[in-house]
């Protein structure tokens, strides 16, 4: 079945559009109704800041859709580095129901299965010689996304446009807001941010770097209202960013995702951004959003187990502590790989099964050791991982970032010694770090998470 051309379409409202076409409908509508409204701010917080308004986004979308309609590729691999180009490619593919793959640099090796698709970069040039032109299919076109690779090599996951836009909130309170984008724009969390922003006529604010001062300056100067980020990045902001910049930043909402947040971080966020509502989202690339917690406490209520949650899913916990998710009554239980532990009337995340460090047969969860280290005066952040050992199989290694300023009379070495002493007093012997370095900053993955394998520090 051959699809109708773009020119013959007339979409009354964004929500009336099919899920795949909703992004293009939003950009087109806001381009007509609010042409001068800023859609994307690039390099925010830096000297090379630039903006793209909705008029420009809509014009580029129209031109690229026409070219894509003529080329009729089997599929498109989006390799644009600029967010404005990325959203134009995605919106056009959705409008025409062309299969789309959003792949970052570390997922480049996975392109073998997409060899007959064409690759499009920031130029938006279509090179049909690298693809096989084909008829559009009558079945819904899916979107291919790579996982974060936190605990293993990235893999490709296929989503429908329905699942991509399912979590977007379209009520009036979400309209015309500025959203910070520090997630990788080609992975699940980042895609959710720019889809949400554009469907509601908002602004995507992309900082020039992940440097704490740069990010905080972007939040303040661009008047960011919604701040979605990993706990790792937010911990870095509240610990290292310039105090004056932090005071000038006033987000209305903070959304934590990608990792578990501990009680200390939640308290620091409340102190640093007292007017912000904080929510914690549990989502995976494979499952999408499963639930969110808004009560300001780590983990989730224990009485959620076995109950149907607002999104229709159900939570279970295996005997070994692994969290299971059932998205609906008609789907099977999915093992998430995340380990939880009951503490009072809550279940709190203690790490991922793949993160477990095995020291001479004893199992150590690195997140627990990190929590202990962060509780030591003078320690702003910590990372723990397993290091190969010829004797015990693995041993616990860690690194800490010192607070600035240090407590009175403290020195870097005295803080390090106190950190090790606290671990010895709080942990079994196999869990005490055998290596504990002081670093300037905790390294993160492209997804903004803490890696559990040895990496270079910055």
Protein backbone atom coordinates (compact mmCIF):
# COMPACT_ATOMS: atom_id res chain seq x y z
CA UNK A 1 0.00 0.00 0.00
CA UNK A 2 1.47 3.34 -1.05
CA UNK A 3 1.27 6.23 1.40
CA UNK A 4 -0.21 9.63 0.66
CA UNK A 5 2.17 12.53 0.07
CA UNK A 6 3.03 15.11 2.68
CA UNK A 7 1.21 17.94 0.91
CA UNK A 8 -2.16 16.18 1.14
CA UNK A 9 -2.12 15.93 4.90
CA UNK A 10 -4.04 18.16 7.26
CA UNK A 11 -3.67 17.47 10.99
CA UNK A 12 -6.12 19.44 13.19
CA UNK A 13 -4.24 18.98 16.48
CA UNK A 14 -1.04 17.35 17.67
CA UNK A 15 -2.86 14.72 19.71
CA UNK A 16 -5.03 13.75 16.74
CA UNK A 17 -1.93 12.80 14.75
CA UNK A 18 -0.74 9.18 14.73
CA UNK A 19 2.09 8.63 17.21
CA UNK A 20 4.74 8.44 14.47
CA UNK A 21 3.65 11.78 12.98
CA UNK A 22 3.13 13.67 16.24
CA UNK A 23 6.61 15.17 16.46
CA UNK A 24 6.42 16.59 12.93
CA UNK A 25 2.90 17.88 13.63
CA UNK A 26 4.15 19.72 16.73
CA UNK A 27 7.12 21.34 15.00
CA UNK A 28 4.94 22.40 12.06
CA UNK A 29 2.24 23.84 14.30
CA UNK A 30 4.56 25.77 16.58
CA UNK A 31 6.51 26.97 13.55
CA UNK A 32 3.29 28.56 12.27
CA UNK A 33 1.86 29.79 15.57
CA UNK A 34 5.06 30.77 17.44
CA UNK A 35 7.72 31.15 14.73
CA UNK A 36 10.17 33.17 16.83
CA UNK A 37 10.01 30.89 19.88
CA UNK A 38 13.36 29.20 20.49
CA UNK A 39 13.25 25.45 19.96
CA UNK A 40 16.90 24.55 20.57
CA UNK A 41 19.75 26.31 22.37
CA UNK A 42 23.10 24.78 21.49
CA UNK A 43 26.36 25.21 23.45
CA UNK A 44 24.45 26.89 26.29
CA UNK A 45 26.63 28.26 29.07
CA UNK A 46 29.57 28.68 26.67
CA UNK A 47 30.93 31.32 24.30
CA UNK A 48 29.59 29.61 21.15
CA UNK A 49 25.93 29.60 22.19
CA UNK A 50 23.49 29.49 19.27
CA UNK A 51 19.74 29.14 18.89
CA UNK A 52 17.25 27.65 16.44
CA UNK A 53 13.67 28.93 16.44
CA UNK A 54 10.55 26.99 15.52
CA UNK A 55 10.26 28.78 12.17
CA UNK A 56 13.66 27.42 11.16
CA UNK A 57 12.93 23.95 12.52
CA UNK A 58 9.64 23.80 10.60
CA UNK A 59 11.26 25.02 7.37
CA UNK A 60 14.11 22.51 7.60
CA UNK A 61 11.61 19.75 8.41
CA UNK A 62 9.48 20.58 5.36
CA UNK A 63 12.48 20.63 3.02
CA UNK A 64 13.99 17.44 4.39
CA UNK A 65 10.64 15.62 4.36
CA UNK A 66 10.24 16.41 0.66
CA UNK A 67 13.73 15.07 -0.09
CA UNK A 68 13.17 11.97 2.02
CA UNK A 69 9.80 11.39 0.35
CA UNK A 70 11.52 11.37 -3.03
CA UNK A 71 14.38 9.09 -1.94
CA UNK A 72 12.19 6.46 -0.24
CA UNK A 73 15.02 4.67 1.61
CA UNK A 74 14.63 1.33 3.33
CA UNK A 75 15.59 3.04 6.57
CA UNK A 76 17.58 5.95 7.99
CA UNK A 77 20.47 5.91 10.45
CA UNK A 78 20.65 9.35 12.09
CA UNK A 79 24.25 10.30 12.83
CA UNK A 80 23.71 14.02 13.35
CA UNK A 81 25.74 15.63 16.12
CA UNK A 82 23.51 18.70 16.45
CA UNK A 83 20.21 18.24 18.26
CA UNK A 84 18.31 20.49 15.84
CA UNK A 85 19.38 18.27 12.93
CA UNK A 86 18.59 15.11 14.87
CA UNK A 87 15.03 16.15 15.62
CA UNK A 88 14.44 17.18 11.99
CA UNK A 89 15.57 13.74 10.82
CA UNK A 90 13.45 11.96 13.43
CA UNK A 91 10.34 14.06 12.74
CA UNK A 92 10.58 13.52 8.98
CA UNK A 93 11.07 9.77 9.36
CA UNK A 94 8.08 9.62 11.68
CA UNK A 95 5.92 11.67 9.33
CA UNK A 96 6.75 9.37 6.41
CA UNK A 97 6.88 6.17 8.48
CA UNK A 98 10.47 5.48 7.48
CA UNK A 99 12.33 3.17 9.89
CA UNK A 100 14.79 5.17 11.98
CA UNK A 101 17.91 4.28 13.97
CA UNK A 102 19.33 6.73 16.52
CA UNK A 103 22.90 5.62 17.19
CA UNK A 104 25.69 7.28 19.13
CA UNK A 105 29.40 6.83 18.40
CA UNK A 106 29.88 3.92 20.81
CA UNK A 107 27.11 2.00 19.03
CA UNK A 108 28.69 2.36 15.58
CA UNK A 109 29.80 -1.29 15.54
CA UNK A 110 26.15 -2.36 15.71
CA UNK A 111 25.28 -0.94 12.29
CA UNK A 112 25.97 -4.19 10.46
CA UNK A 113 22.31 -5.24 10.56
CA UNK A 114 21.35 -1.86 9.07
CA UNK A 115 23.74 -1.98 6.13
CA UNK A 116 21.01 -1.29 3.56
CA UNK A 117 19.85 1.85 5.38
CA UNK A 118 21.19 5.29 4.48
CA UNK A 119 23.17 7.35 6.98
CA UNK A 120 22.30 11.04 7.39
CA UNK A 121 24.41 13.59 9.24
CA UNK A 122 24.02 17.29 10.08
CA UNK A 123 24.07 18.25 6.41
CA UNK A 124 20.73 16.43 5.97
CA UNK A 125 22.06 15.30 2.59
CA UNK A 126 20.51 12.15 1.15
CA UNK A 127 22.96 9.83 -0.56
CA UNK A 128 20.82 7.12 -2.12
CA UNK A 129 23.90 5.34 -3.46
CA UNK A 130 24.47 3.94 0.04
CA UNK A 131 20.97 2.54 0.37
CA UNK A 132 18.39 0.57 -1.54
CA UNK A 133 15.34 2.71 -2.39
CA UNK A 134 12.16 0.86 -1.49
CA UNK A 135 8.43 1.25 -1.08
CA UNK A 136 7.12 2.53 2.21
CA UNK A 137 5.47 -0.21 4.15
CA UNK A 138 1.93 -0.13 5.48
CA UNK A 139 3.07 -1.46 8.86
CA UNK A 140 4.18 1.03 11.54
CA UNK A 141 7.87 1.91 11.26
CA UNK A 142 9.90 1.33 14.39
CA UNK A 143 12.76 3.29 15.95
CA UNK A 144 16.00 1.51 16.80
CA UNK A 145 17.88 2.75 19.88
CA UNK A 146 21.08 1.52 21.55
CA UNK A 147 21.19 0.68 25.24
CA UNK A 148 23.43 2.70 27.55
CA UNK A 149 26.13 0.04 27.91
CA UNK A 150 26.44 0.70 31.65
CA UNK A 151 27.18 -2.92 32.53
CA UNK A 152 28.05 -4.39 29.13
CA UNK A 153 28.41 -3.58 25.43
CA UNK A 154 25.50 -1.57 23.97
CA UNK A 155 22.87 -3.50 22.06
CA UNK A 156 20.11 -2.42 19.69
CA UNK A 157 16.51 -2.30 20.91
CA UNK A 158 13.52 -1.72 18.66
CA UNK A 159 10.70 0.59 19.80
CA UNK A 160 7.46 1.74 18.26
CA UNK A 161 6.66 5.44 18.05
CA UNK A 162 3.77 4.71 20.42
CA UNK A 163 6.23 3.68 23.13
CA UNK A 164 8.49 6.66 22.41
CA UNK A 165 5.75 9.24 22.95
CA UNK A 166 3.79 7.32 25.60
CA UNK A 167 5.39 9.11 28.57
CA UNK A 168 5.07 12.64 27.13
CA UNK A 169 2.79 14.91 29.15
CA UNK A 170 0.79 17.26 27.01
CA UNK A 171 -1.31 19.15 29.58
CA UNK A 172 -1.03 22.94 29.62
CA UNK A 173 1.24 23.06 32.69
CA UNK A 174 4.00 21.45 30.61
CA UNK A 175 3.79 23.92 27.70
CA UNK A 176 6.57 26.35 26.70
CA UNK A 177 9.15 25.19 29.26
CA UNK A 178 12.93 25.05 28.92
CA UNK A 179 14.34 21.53 29.30
CA UNK A 180 17.99 20.78 30.01
CA UNK A 181 19.43 18.06 27.77
CA UNK A 182 22.55 16.53 29.29
CA UNK A 183 21.65 12.96 28.37
CA UNK A 184 22.93 11.49 25.12
CA UNK A 185 20.31 12.71 22.62
CA UNK A 186 20.34 9.37 20.78
CA UNK A 187 19.57 7.17 23.80
CA UNK A 188 16.28 6.51 25.52
CA UNK A 189 16.51 9.14 28.28
CA UNK A 190 17.71 11.89 25.93
CA UNK A 191 15.09 11.05 23.32
CA UNK A 192 12.40 11.34 25.97
CA UNK A 193 13.62 14.84 26.90
CA UNK A 194 13.59 16.34 23.39
CA UNK A 195 10.35 14.65 22.40
CA UNK A 196 8.65 15.99 25.52
CA UNK A 197 10.03 19.50 24.97
CA UNK A 198 9.04 19.72 21.30
CA UNK A 199 5.58 18.20 21.69
CA UNK A 200 4.75 20.99 24.13
CA UNK A 201 6.40 23.89 22.32
CA UNK A 202 9.30 24.03 24.74
CA UNK A 203 13.00 24.73 24.42
CA UNK A 204 15.79 22.15 24.44
CA UNK A 205 18.84 23.55 26.24
CA UNK A 206 22.07 21.71 25.40
CA UNK A 207 25.06 22.80 27.54
CA UNK A 208 28.42 23.38 25.88
CA UNK A 209 29.91 20.69 28.14
CA UNK A 210 29.17 18.67 31.27
CA UNK A 211 31.48 20.83 33.33
CA UNK A 212 29.52 21.70 36.51
CA UNK A 213 29.92 25.46 36.09
CA UNK A 214 28.94 25.30 32.42
CA UNK A 215 25.85 23.21 33.11
CA UNK A 216 24.77 25.38 36.03
CA UNK A 217 25.36 28.55 34.00
CA UNK A 218 23.16 27.11 31.24
CA UNK A 219 20.41 26.33 33.75
CA UNK A 220 20.53 29.85 35.14
CA UNK A 221 20.91 31.93 31.97
CA UNK A 222 18.42 29.93 29.88
CA UNK A 223 15.93 29.79 32.76
CA UNK A 224 15.69 26.04 32.63
CA UNK A 225 12.45 24.88 34.23
CA UNK A 226 12.92 21.11 33.97
CA UNK A 227 16.21 19.48 34.90
CA UNK A 228 16.40 15.79 33.95
CA UNK A 229 19.74 14.14 34.75
CA UNK A 230 21.45 11.17 36.31
CA UNK A 231 22.20 11.26 40.04
CA UNK A 232 25.90 11.25 39.11
CA UNK A 233 25.65 14.53 37.20
CA UNK A 234 23.45 16.20 39.81
CA UNK A 235 25.75 15.09 42.60
CA UNK A 236 28.59 16.74 40.68
CA UNK A 237 26.60 19.96 40.30
CA UNK A 238 25.71 20.39 43.96
CA UNK A 239 29.24 19.44 45.07
CA UNK A 240 31.39 21.32 42.55
CA UNK A 241 29.47 24.09 40.78
CA UNK A 242 30.08 27.72 41.63
CA UNK A 243 27.85 28.67 44.57
CA UNK A 244 26.67 31.91 42.95
CA UNK A 245 25.63 30.03 39.80
CA UNK A 246 23.76 27.45 41.88
CA UNK A 247 21.85 30.21 43.67
CA UNK A 248 20.92 31.76 40.31
CA UNK A 249 19.58 28.45 38.96
CA UNK A 250 15.94 27.89 39.82
CA UNK A 251 14.49 24.82 38.08
CA UNK A 252 10.86 24.06 38.80
CA UNK A 253 11.27 20.30 38.44
CA UNK A 254 14.17 17.88 38.76
CA UNK A 255 13.88 14.38 37.32
CA UNK A 256 16.40 11.76 38.35
CA UNK A 257 16.90 8.76 36.09
CA UNK A 258 19.38 6.20 34.86
CA UNK A 259 20.70 5.35 38.34
CA UNK A 260 19.39 5.05 41.87
CA UNK A 261 19.48 8.18 44.04
CA UNK A 262 20.46 7.93 47.69
CA UNK A 263 19.00 9.88 50.61
CA UNK A 264 22.03 12.19 50.88
CA UNK A 265 21.70 13.37 47.27
CA UNK A 266 17.95 13.95 47.68
CA UNK A 267 18.66 16.09 50.73
CA UNK A 268 21.34 18.07 48.89
CA UNK A 269 18.99 18.72 45.98
CA UNK A 270 16.31 20.00 48.32
CA UNK A 271 18.84 22.35 49.95
CA UNK A 272 20.33 23.56 46.64
CA UNK A 273 17.02 23.93 44.74
CA UNK A 274 14.39 24.47 47.46
CA UNK A 275 11.63 25.40 45.03
CA UNK A 276 11.99 22.37 42.77
CA UNK A 277 9.81 19.28 42.74
CA UNK A 278 11.99 16.20 42.62
CA UNK A 279 10.89 12.95 41.00
CA UNK A 280 12.76 9.71 40.42
CA UNK A 281 11.99 7.80 37.22
CA UNK A 282 12.66 4.11 36.84
CA UNK A 283 12.96 3.29 33.15
CA UNK A 284 15.03 1.13 30.83
CA UNK A 285 15.71 1.27 27.11
CA UNK A 286 13.94 -2.07 26.70
CA UNK A 287 10.87 -1.37 28.87
CA UNK A 288 10.47 2.40 28.73
CA UNK A 289 9.20 4.16 31.84
CA UNK A 290 7.97 1.74 34.51
CA UNK A 291 7.26 4.03 37.48
CA UNK A 292 8.21 7.31 39.11
CA UNK A 293 8.56 8.27 42.77
CA UNK A 294 7.78 11.80 43.98
CA UNK A 295 7.88 11.52 47.79
CA UNK A 296 11.51 12.62 48.17
CA UNK A 297 12.68 9.28 49.57
CA UNK A 298 15.08 6.77 47.99
CA UNK A 299 13.69 3.62 46.40
CA UNK A 300 9.95 2.93 46.27
CA UNK A 301 7.21 1.97 48.77
CA UNK A 302 7.22 -1.71 49.71
CA UNK A 303 3.45 -1.92 49.35
CA UNK A 304 3.80 -1.33 45.60
CA UNK A 305 4.80 -4.98 45.16
CA UNK A 306 2.09 -6.98 43.43
CA UNK A 307 -0.14 -3.96 42.85
CA UNK A 308 -1.02 -2.48 39.49
CA UNK A 309 0.84 0.83 39.17
CA UNK A 310 -0.55 3.92 37.39
CA UNK A 311 1.18 2.93 34.15
CA UNK A 312 -0.34 -0.55 34.27
CA UNK A 313 2.82 -2.39 35.34
CA UNK A 314 3.44 -4.62 38.33
CA UNK A 315 6.57 -5.10 40.42
CA UNK A 316 7.88 -8.31 41.96
CA UNK A 317 11.12 -9.20 43.73
CA UNK A 318 12.92 -12.52 43.37
CA UNK A 319 14.33 -14.31 46.37
CA UNK A 320 17.81 -13.08 45.45
CA UNK A 321 16.58 -9.46 45.45
CA UNK A 322 16.37 -8.89 41.69
CA UNK A 323 13.51 -6.62 40.63
CA UNK A 324 11.02 -8.10 38.17
CA UNK A 325 8.64 -6.01 36.04
CA UNK A 326 5.43 -7.08 34.32
CA UNK A 327 4.28 -4.28 32.03
CA UNK A 328 0.73 -5.61 31.70
CA UNK A 329 -1.35 -8.68 32.46
CA UNK A 330 -0.70 -9.94 28.94
CA UNK A 331 3.10 -9.76 29.14
CA UNK A 332 5.67 -11.93 30.86
CA UNK A 333 7.75 -10.89 33.84
CA UNK A 334 11.05 -9.28 32.86
CA UNK A 335 14.17 -9.58 35.01
CA UNK A 336 15.62 -6.06 35.19
CA UNK A 337 19.08 -6.91 36.52
CA UNK A 338 18.56 -4.36 39.32
CA UNK A 339 18.90 -5.59 42.91
CA UNK A 340 16.75 -4.12 45.68
CA UNK A 341 16.72 -4.54 49.44
CA UNK A 342 13.87 -3.92 51.86
CA UNK A 343 14.64 -1.25 54.43
CA UNK A 344 11.65 -0.55 56.64
CA UNK A 345 8.66 0.27 54.49
CA UNK A 346 10.77 0.89 51.37
CA UNK A 347 12.64 -1.10 48.79
CA UNK A 348 15.92 0.62 47.95
CA UNK A 349 18.18 -0.11 44.99
CA UNK A 350 21.52 -1.62 45.98
CA UNK A 351 23.01 -2.06 42.52
CA UNK A 352 22.92 -4.22 39.43
CA UNK A 353 23.62 -7.94 39.40
CA UNK A 354 26.30 -7.38 36.77
CA UNK A 355 28.05 -4.88 39.09
CA UNK A 356 28.65 -7.40 41.87
CA UNK A 357 32.32 -7.72 42.83
CA UNK A 358 33.29 -11.26 43.85
CA UNK A 359 36.20 -11.20 46.31
CA UNK A 360 37.30 -14.72 47.18
CA UNK A 361 33.72 -15.94 46.92
CA UNK A 362 32.21 -13.00 48.87
CA UNK A 363 29.82 -10.81 46.91
CA UNK A 364 30.18 -7.04 47.25
CA UNK A 365 27.75 -4.45 45.87
CA UNK A 366 29.74 -1.33 44.91
CA UNK A 367 26.84 1.09 45.41
CA UNK A 368 26.71 0.28 49.13
CA UNK A 369 30.42 1.08 49.52
CA UNK A 370 29.93 4.33 47.60
CA UNK A 371 27.17 5.38 49.99
CA UNK A 372 29.50 4.77 52.94
CA UNK A 373 32.31 6.75 51.33
CA UNK A 374 30.05 9.70 50.52
CA UNK A 375 29.06 9.87 54.18
CA UNK A 376 32.64 10.63 55.24
CA UNK A 377 33.27 14.34 55.96
CA UNK A 378 35.38 15.76 53.16
CA UNK A 379 34.18 13.28 50.51
CA UNK A 380 31.97 14.83 47.82
CA UNK A 381 31.62 11.80 45.55
CA UNK A 382 32.86 8.25 45.12
CA UNK A 383 33.08 5.41 42.63
CA UNK A 384 33.75 1.73 43.36
CA UNK A 385 34.43 -1.13 40.94
CA UNK A 386 36.02 -4.57 40.78
CA UNK A 387 39.67 -4.90 39.88
CA UNK A 388 41.06 -8.27 38.69
CA UNK A 389 43.18 -10.12 41.23
CA UNK A 390 45.24 -13.28 40.71
CA UNK A 391 44.63 -14.31 44.33
CA UNK A 392 40.98 -13.47 45.09
CA UNK A 393 39.57 -13.20 41.57
CA UNK A 394 38.65 -9.56 42.19
CA UNK A 395 39.34 -6.92 44.76
CA UNK A 396 37.48 -3.71 45.57
CA UNK A 397 38.92 -0.53 44.06
CA UNK A 398 37.60 2.96 44.49
CA UNK A 399 38.17 6.64 44.00
CA UNK A 400 36.90 9.67 45.86
CA UNK A 401 36.42 13.34 45.04
CA UNK A 402 37.20 15.72 47.88
CA UNK A 403 34.80 18.42 48.94
CA UNK A 404 35.74 22.05 48.37
CA UNK A 405 36.50 23.39 50.87
CA UNK A 406 37.68 20.54 53.04
CA UNK A 407 36.53 20.39 56.68
CA UNK A 408 38.60 22.44 59.09
CA UNK A 409 42.06 20.96 59.76
CA UNK A 410 41.50 18.19 57.21
CA UNK A 411 44.00 17.29 54.50
CA UNK A 412 43.48 15.13 51.41
CA UNK A 413 45.40 12.25 52.99
CA UNK A 414 43.51 12.52 56.30
CA UNK A 415 40.18 12.37 54.43
CA UNK A 416 41.39 9.32 52.50
CA UNK A 417 42.48 7.64 55.73
CA UNK A 418 39.14 8.44 57.36
CA UNK A 419 37.31 6.99 54.37
CA UNK A 420 39.20 3.71 54.64
CA UNK A 421 38.71 3.59 58.41
CA UNK A 422 34.97 4.11 57.98
CA UNK A 423 34.80 1.27 55.45
CA UNK A 424 36.69 -1.03 57.84
CA UNK A 425 34.25 -0.20 60.63
CA UNK A 426 31.13 -0.53 58.46
CA UNK A 427 31.87 -3.39 56.05
CA UNK A 428 33.01 -6.97 56.01
CA UNK A 429 36.71 -7.31 55.21
CA UNK A 430 36.24 -8.30 51.51
CA UNK A 431 34.27 -5.08 50.88
CA UNK A 432 36.98 -2.71 52.13
CA UNK A 433 38.69 -1.00 49.16
CA UNK A 434 42.23 -2.24 48.61
CA UNK A 435 42.85 0.68 46.28
CA UNK A 436 41.38 4.12 47.01
CA UNK A 437 42.57 7.04 44.90
CA UNK A 438 41.76 10.73 45.13
CA UNK A 439 40.63 12.17 41.79
CA UNK A 440 39.42 15.55 40.64
CA UNK A 441 36.23 14.20 39.07
CA UNK A 442 34.40 10.90 38.68
CA UNK A 443 34.45 9.74 35.06
CA UNK A 444 31.08 8.99 33.47
CA UNK A 445 29.83 7.06 30.46
CA UNK A 446 28.31 8.84 27.43
CA UNK A 447 24.94 8.20 29.08
CA UNK A 448 26.04 10.17 32.16
CA UNK A 449 26.28 7.15 34.44
CA UNK A 450 29.05 5.75 36.65
CA UNK A 451 30.98 2.98 34.86
CA UNK A 452 31.73 -0.19 36.78
CA UNK A 453 34.93 -0.99 34.93
CA UNK A 454 38.34 0.71 35.13
CA UNK A 455 38.37 3.95 33.10
CA UNK A 456 40.47 7.06 32.81
CA UNK A 457 39.62 9.90 35.15
CA UNK A 458 39.10 13.55 34.38
